[in-house]
PDB file of N, CA and C in Angstrom:
ATOM      1  N   MET A   1      56.743-300.213-135.654  1.00  0.00           N
ATOM      2  CA  MET A   1      57.836-300.267-134.414  1.00  0.00           C
ATOM      3  C   MET A   1      57.224-300.639-132.950  1.00  0.00           C
ATOM      4  N   GLY A   2      58.008-301.731-132.460  1.00  0.00           N
ATOM      5  CA  GLY A   2      57.341-302.897-131.588  1.00  0.00           C
ATOM      6  C   GLY A   2      58.031-302.372-130.092  1.00  0.00           C
ATOM      7  N   LEU A   3      57.713-301.871-129.061  1.00  0.00           N
ATOM      8  CA  LEU A   3      58.515-302.069-127.629  1.00  0.00           C
ATOM      9  C   LEU A   3      58.888-303.158-127.268  1.00  0.00           C
ATOM     10  N   ASP A   4      59.846-303.780-126.665  1.00  0.00           N
ATOM     11  CA  ASP A   4      60.134-304.708-125.456  1.00  0.00           C
ATOM     12  C   ASP A   4      59.894-304.106-124.312  1.00  0.00           C
ATOM     13  N   VAL A   5      58.788-304.552-123.775  1.00  0.00           N
ATOM     14  CA  VAL A   5      58.191-304.323-122.454  1.00  0.00           C
ATOM     15  C   VAL A   5      58.398-305.343-121.542  1.00  0.00           C
ATOM     16  N   ARG A   6      59.541-305.253-120.647  1.00  0.00           N
ATOM     17  CA  ARG A   6      59.782-306.100-119.633  1.00  0.00           C
ATOM     18  C   ARG A   6      59.405-305.303-118.456  1.00  0.00           C
ATOM     19  N   SER A   7      59.094-306.394-117.549  1.00  0.00           N
ATOM     20  CA  SER A   7      58.932-305.927-116.060  1.00  0.00           C
ATOM     21  C   SER A   7      60.170-305.925-115.304  1.00  0.00           C
ATOM     22  N   GLY A   8      60.743-304.809-114.243  1.00  0.00           N
ATOM     23  CA  GLY A   8      61.706-305.330-113.368  1.00  0.00           C
ATOM     24  C   GLY A   8      62.871-304.148-114.525  1.00  0.00           C
ATOM     25  N   TYR A   9      63.989-304.213-113.385  1.00  0.00           N
ATOM     26  CA  TYR A   9      64.979-303.646-113.929  1.00  0.00           C
ATOM     27  C   TYR A   9      66.118-304.365-114.060  1.00  0.00           C
ATOM     28  N   ASN A  10      66.258-304.739-115.497  1.00  0.00           N
ATOM     29  CA  ASN A  10      67.346-305.716-116.061  1.00  0.00           C
ATOM     30  C   ASN A  10      68.816-305.083-116.957  1.00  0.00           C
ATOM     31  N   THR A  11      68.567-304.175-117.004  1.00  0.00           N
ATOM     32  CA  THR A  11      69.995-303.160-117.461  1.00  0.00           C
ATOM     33  C   THR A  11      71.501-303.159-116.561  1.00  0.00           C
ATOM     34  N   THR A  12      71.875-303.750-116.952  1.00  0.00           N
ATOM     35  CA  THR A  12      73.220-303.595-116.331  1.00  0.00           C
ATOM     36  C   THR A  12      73.898-302.555-116.238  1.00  0.00           C
ATOM     37  N   ILE A  13      74.828-301.958-114.760  1.00  0.00           N
ATOM     38  CA  ILE A  13      74.803-300.913-114.713  1.00  0.00           C
ATOM     39  C   ILE A  13      76.583-300.844-114.369  1.00  0.00           C
ATOM     40  N   PRO A  14      76.867-299.886-115.666  1.00  0.00           N
ATOM     41  CA  PRO A  14      78.623-300.002-115.339  1.00  0.00           C
ATOM     42  C   PRO A  14      79.487-299.691-114.227  1.00  0.00           C
ATOM     43  N   ALA A  15      80.256-300.360-113.531  1.00  0.00           N
ATOM     44  CA  ALA A  15      80.858-299.919-112.393  1.00  0.00           C
ATOM     45  C   ALA A  15      81.574-298.373-112.249  1.00  0.00           C
ATOM     46  N   HIS A  16      81.932-297.954-113.798  1.00  0.00           N
ATOM     47  CA  HIS A  16      82.548-296.773-113.494  1.00  0.00           C
ATOM     48  C   HIS A  16      81.719-295.656-113.167  1.00  0.00           C
ATOM     49  N   ILE A  17      80.340-295.719-113.464  1.00  0.00           N
ATOM     50  CA  ILE A  17      79.439-295.082-113.154  1.00  0.00           C
ATOM     51  C   ILE A  17      78.627-294.840-111.533  1.00  0.00           C
ATOM     52  N   THR A  18      79.078-295.557-110.710  1.00  0.00           N
ATOM     53  CA  THR A  18      78.422-295.656-109.727  1.00  0.00           C
ATOM     54  C   THR A  18      79.187-295.261-108.677  1.00  0.00           C
ATOM     55  N   THR A  19      78.766-294.717-107.514  1.00  0.00           N
ATOM     56  CA  THR A  19      79.547-294.183-106.322  1.00  0.00           C
ATOM     57  C   THR A  19      79.236-295.418-104.975  1.00  0.00           C
ATOM     58  N   PRO A  20      80.704-295.546-104.849  1.00  0.00           N
ATOM     59  CA  PRO A  20      81.289-296.227-103.717  1.00  0.00           C
ATOM     60  C   PRO A  20      80.891-295.913-102.786  1.00  0.00           C
ATOM     61  N   ASP A  21      80.329-296.952-101.848  1.00  0.00           N
ATOM     62  CA  ASP A  21      80.045-296.428-100.463  1.00  0.00           C
ATOM     63  C   ASP A  21      80.912-295.755 -99.243  1.00  0.00           C
ATOM     64  N   ARG A  22      82.353-295.783-100.114  1.00  0.00           N
ATOM     65  CA  ARG A  22      83.385-295.010 -99.108  1.00  0.00           C
ATOM     66  C   ARG A  22      84.752-294.369 -99.382  1.00  0.00           C
ATOM     67  N   VAL A  23      84.863-292.973 -99.592  1.00  0.00           N
ATOM     68  CA  VAL A  23      85.358-292.324-100.693  1.00  0.00           C
ATOM     69  C   VAL A  23      86.658-291.686 -99.308  1.00  0.00           C
ATOM     70  N   ALA A  24      87.831-292.009-100.127  1.00  0.00           N
ATOM     71  CA  ALA A  24      89.202-291.699 -99.442  1.00  0.00           C
ATOM     72  C   ALA A  24      89.288-290.147 -99.583  1.00  0.00           C
ATOM     73  N   THR A  25      89.463-288.803 -98.958  1.00  0.00           N
ATOM     74  CA  THR A  25      90.264-287.995 -99.481  1.00  0.00           C
ATOM     75  C   THR A  25      90.776-287.089 -98.837  1.00  0.00           C
ATOM     76  N   SER A  26      91.070-285.506 -99.324  1.00  0.00           N
ATOM     77  CA  SER A  26      91.997-284.865 -98.437  1.00  0.00           C
ATOM     78  C   SER A  26      91.361-284.587 -97.222  1.00  0.00           C
ATOM     79  N   ILE A  27      90.157-284.396 -96.543  1.00  0.00           N
ATOM     80  CA  ILE A  27      89.072-284.078 -96.027  1.00  0.00           C
ATOM     81  C   ILE A  27      88.556-284.969 -95.026  1.00  0.00           C
ATOM     82  N   GLY A  28      89.263-286.441 -95.365  1.00  0.00           N
ATOM     83  CA  GLY A  28      88.636-287.285 -94.491  1.00  0.00           C
ATOM     84  C   GLY A  28      88.235-288.615 -95.505  1.00  0.00           C
ATOM     85  N   GLU A  29      87.242-289.233 -94.647  1.00  0.00           N
ATOM     86  CA  GLU A  29      86.563-290.726 -95.657  1.00  0.00           C
ATOM     87  C   GLU A  29      84.883-289.562 -95.975  1.00  0.00           C
ATOM     88  N   LEU A  30      84.833-290.215 -97.031  1.00  0.00           N
ATOM     89  CA  LEU A  30      83.256-289.931 -97.129  1.00  0.00           C
ATOM     90  C   LEU A  30      82.136-290.889 -97.287  1.00  0.00           C
ATOM     91  N   ARG A  31      81.552-291.003 -96.546  1.00  0.00           N
ATOM     92  CA  ARG A  31      80.395-292.474 -96.775  1.00  0.00           C
ATOM     93  C   ARG A  31      78.967-291.967 -97.453  1.00  0.00           C
ATOM     94  N   PHE A  32      78.649-292.707 -98.509  1.00  0.00           N
ATOM     95  CA  PHE A  32      77.279-292.857 -99.230  1.00  0.00           C
ATOM     96  C   PHE A  32      76.565-294.153 -98.802  1.00  0.00           C
ATOM     97  N   VAL A  33      75.361-293.503 -98.703  1.00  0.00           N
ATOM     98  CA  VAL A  33      74.716-295.105 -99.223  1.00  0.00           C
ATOM     99  C   VAL A  33      73.416-294.653-100.126  1.00  0.00           C
ATOM    100  N   ASP A  34      73.623-295.715-100.674  1.00  0.00           N
ATOM    101  CA  ASP A  34      73.254-295.781-102.360  1.00  0.00           C
ATOM    102  C   ASP A  34      73.183-294.706-103.227  1.00  0.00           C
ATOM    103  N   GLY A  35      74.672-293.877-103.109  1.00  0.00           N
ATOM    104  CA  GLY A  35      75.038-292.602-103.690  1.00  0.00           C
ATOM    105  C   GLY A  35      74.502-291.413-102.939  1.00  0.00           C
ATOM    106  N   VAL A  36      74.100-291.634-101.857  1.00  0.00           N
ATOM    107  CA  VAL A  36      73.423-289.875-101.288  1.00  0.00           C
ATOM    108  C   VAL A  36      74.678-290.259 -99.882  1.00  0.00           C
ATOM    109  N   PRO A  37      75.209-288.980-100.000  1.00  0.00           N
ATOM    110  CA  PRO A  37      76.046-288.558 -98.966  1.00  0.00           C
ATOM    111  C   PRO A  37      75.406-288.669 -97.286  1.00  0.00           C
ATOM    112  N   THR A  38      76.128-289.172 -96.450  1.00  0.00           N
ATOM    113  CA  THR A  38      75.054-289.294 -95.053  1.00  0.00           C
ATOM    114  C   THR A  38      75.413-287.812 -94.903  1.00  0.00           C
ATOM    115  N   PRO A  39      74.628-287.401 -94.077  1.00  0.00           N
ATOM    116  CA  PRO A  39      74.673-285.908 -92.976  1.00  0.00           C
ATOM    117  C   PRO A  39      75.813-285.778 -92.861  1.00  0.00           C
ATOM    118  N   GLU A  40      77.158-286.434 -92.338  1.00  0.00           N
ATOM    119  CA  GLU A  40      78.141-286.073 -91.336  1.00  0.00           C
ATOM    120  C   GLU A  40      78.844-286.008 -92.856  1.00  0.00           C
ATOM    121  N   THR A  41      78.777-286.550 -93.771  1.00  0.00           N
ATOM    122  CA  THR A  41      79.821-286.330 -95.283  1.00  0.00           C
ATOM    123  C   THR A  41      79.452-285.071 -95.646  1.00  0.00           C
ATOM    124  N   ALA A  42      78.273-284.957 -95.705  1.00  0.00           N
ATOM    125  CA  ALA A  42      77.550-283.668 -96.341  1.00  0.00           C
ATOM    126  C   ALA A  42      77.941-282.294 -95.273  1.00  0.00           C
ATOM    127  N   SER A  43      77.624-282.521 -94.232  1.00  0.00           N
ATOM    128  CA  SER A  43      78.534-281.529 -92.973  1.00  0.00           C
ATOM    129  C   SER A  43      79.792-281.213 -93.758  1.00  0.00           C
ATOM    130  N   ARG A  44      80.460-282.543 -93.885  1.00  0.00           N
ATOM    131  CA  ARG A  44      82.021-282.026 -94.183  1.00  0.00           C
ATOM    132  C   ARG A  44      81.998-281.793 -95.119  1.00  0.00           C
ATOM    133  N   VAL A  45      81.805-281.468 -96.004  1.00  0.00           N
ATOM    134  CA  VAL A  45      81.642-280.989 -97.780  1.00  0.00           C
ATOM    135  C   VAL A  45      81.379-279.523 -97.563  1.00  0.00           C
ATOM    136  N   PHE A  46      80.101-279.531 -96.731  1.00  0.00           N
ATOM    137  CA  PHE A  46      79.874-278.117 -96.821  1.00  0.00           C
ATOM    138  C   PHE A  46      81.033-277.088 -95.882  1.00  0.00           C
ATOM    139  N   ASP A  47      81.488-277.660 -95.343  1.00  0.00           N
ATOM    140  CA  ASP A  47      82.321-276.865 -94.329  1.00  0.00           C
ATOM    141  C   ASP A  47      83.925-276.957 -95.480  1.00  0.00           C
ATOM    142  N   HIS A  48      84.294-277.831 -95.902  1.00  0.00           N
ATOM    143  CA  HIS A  48      85.665-277.480 -96.617  1.00  0.00           C
ATOM    144  C   HIS A  48      85.073-276.462 -97.591  1.00  0.00           C
ATOM    145  N   LEU A  49      83.874-276.821 -98.379  1.00  0.00           N
ATOM    146  CA  LEU A  49      83.774-275.892 -99.433  1.00  0.00           C
ATOM    147  C   LEU A  49      83.090-274.246 -99.135  1.00  0.00           C
ATOM    148  N   ASP A  50      83.169-273.660 -97.671  1.00  0.00           N
ATOM    149  CA  ASP A  50      83.484-272.404 -96.553  1.00  0.00           C
ATOM    150  C   ASP A  50      84.577-272.302 -96.647  1.00  0.00           C
ATOM    151  N   LEU A  51      85.522-272.908 -96.225  1.00  0.00           N
ATOM    152  CA  LEU A  51      86.943-272.733 -95.785  1.00  0.00           C
ATOM    153  C   LEU A  51      87.602-272.445 -96.896  1.00  0.00           C
ATOM    154  N   VAL A  52      87.309-272.930 -98.552  1.00  0.00           N
ATOM    155  CA  VAL A  52      87.899-273.059-100.271  1.00  0.00           C
ATOM    156  C   VAL A  52      87.351-271.519-100.358  1.00  0.00           C
ATOM    157  N   ARG A  53      86.006-271.055 -99.801  1.00  0.00           N
ATOM    158  CA  ARG A  53      85.082-269.753-100.942  1.00  0.00           C
ATOM    159  C   ARG A  53      86.254-268.790-100.242  1.00  0.00           C
ATOM    160  N   GLY A  54      86.159-268.919 -98.631  1.00  0.00           N
ATOM    161  CA  GLY A  54      86.772-267.819 -97.978  1.00  0.00           C
ATOM    162  C   GLY A  54      88.481-267.766 -98.163  1.00  0.00           C
ATOM    163  N   VAL A  55      88.949-269.013 -98.576  1.00  0.00           N
ATOM    164  CA  VAL A  55      90.195-268.740 -99.328  1.00  0.00           C
ATOM    165  C   VAL A  55      90.471-267.789-100.333  1.00  0.00           C
ATOM    166  N   GLU A  56      89.333-268.026-101.421  1.00  0.00           N
ATOM    167  CA  GLU A  56      89.648-267.835-102.653  1.00  0.00           C
ATOM    168  C   GLU A  56      88.997-266.177-102.771  1.00  0.00           C
ATOM    169  N   ALA A  57      87.930-265.868-101.939  1.00  0.00           N
ATOM    170  CA  ALA A  57      87.900-264.531-101.501  1.00  0.00           C
ATOM    171  C   ALA A  57      88.789-263.725-100.974  1.00  0.00           C
ATOM    172  N   PHE A  58      89.817-264.039-100.254  1.00  0.00           N
ATOM    173  CA  PHE A  58      90.950-263.436 -99.735  1.00  0.00           C
ATOM    174  C   PHE A  58      91.507-263.092-100.934  1.00  0.00           C
ATOM    175  N   LEU A  59      92.171-264.691-101.778  1.00  0.00           N
ATOM    176  CA  LEU A  59      93.078-264.516-102.083  1.00  0.00           C
ATOM    177  C   LEU A  59      92.679-263.472-103.650  1.00  0.00           C
ATOM    178  N   GLY A  60      91.100-263.548-103.929  1.00  0.00           N
ATOM    179  CA  GLY A  60      91.176-262.379-104.939  1.00  0.00           C
ATOM    180  C   GLY A  60      91.111-261.234-104.523  1.00  0.00           C
ATOM    181  N   CYS A  61      91.027-260.316-103.435  1.00  0.00           N
ATOM    182  CA  CYS A  61      91.254-259.089-102.855  1.00  0.00           C
ATOM    183  C   CYS A  61      92.446-258.826-102.830  1.00  0.00           C
ATOM    184  N   ILE A  62      93.857-259.761-103.165  1.00  0.00           N
ATOM    185  CA  ILE A  62      94.808-259.126-103.001  1.00  0.00           C
ATOM    186  C   ILE A  62      95.597-258.181-103.887  1.00  0.00           C
ATOM    187  N   PRO A  63      95.047-258.279-105.270  1.00  0.00           N
ATOM    188  CA  PRO A  63      95.207-256.980-106.538  1.00  0.00           C
ATOM    189  C   PRO A  63      94.803-255.630-105.930  1.00  0.00           C
ATOM    190  N   ALA A  64      93.650-255.647-105.066  1.00  0.00           N
ATOM    191  CA  ALA A  64      92.639-254.569-105.045  1.00  0.00           C
ATOM    192  C   ALA A  64      93.590-253.915-103.922  1.00  0.00           C
ATOM    193  N   ALA A  65      93.654-254.994-102.685  1.00  0.00           N
ATOM    194  CA  ALA A  65      94.483-254.439-101.935  1.00  0.00           C
ATOM    195  C   ALA A  65      95.898-253.878-101.953  1.00  0.00           C
ATOM    196  N   SER A  66      96.642-254.257-102.963  1.00  0.00           N
ATOM    197  CA  SER A  66      97.825-253.783-103.378  1.00  0.00           C
ATOM    198  C   SER A  66      98.043-252.232-104.194  1.00  0.00           C
ATOM    199  N   LEU A  67      96.772-252.536-104.991  1.00  0.00           N
ATOM    200  CA  LEU A  67      96.676-251.101-105.892  1.00  0.00           C
ATOM    201  C   LEU A  67      96.309-250.004-104.888  1.00  0.00           C
ATOM    202  N   GLU A  68      95.515-250.370-103.689  1.00  0.00           N
ATOM    203  CA  GLU A  68      95.305-249.195-102.244  1.00  0.00           C
ATOM    204  C   GLU A  68      96.462-248.851-102.134  1.00  0.00           C
ATOM    205  N   GLY A  69      97.349-249.951-101.663  1.00  0.00           N
ATOM    206  CA  GLY A  69      98.583-249.645-101.110  1.00  0.00           C
ATOM    207  C   GLY A  69      99.791-248.427-101.874  1.00  0.00           C
ATOM    208  N   MET A  70      99.408-248.796-103.230  1.00  0.00           N
ATOM    209  CA  MET A  70     100.508-248.100-103.743  1.00  0.00           C
ATOM    210  C   MET A  70     100.106-246.345-104.308  1.00  0.00           C
ATOM    211  N   ARG A  71      98.557-246.120-103.582  1.00  0.00           N
ATOM    212  CA  ARG A  71      98.014-245.067-103.670  1.00  0.00           C
ATOM    213  C   ARG A  71      99.139-243.955-102.885  1.00  0.00           C
TER     214      ARG A  71
END
């Protein structure tokens, strides 16, 4: 079994799996350089995750607070 070894990168990358340089989202425009988020984008995403997790924690405690209120 022979292997076809060629120097360089010659495989075509499908466009649907690449990361665009800019993505418009509900939290603003996110920017990427070669698929890696810029420091500003990473900070914005982590801030949004903090908010979402805080809301999730609050909503998760509502049933327990309701049960405590019924006592």
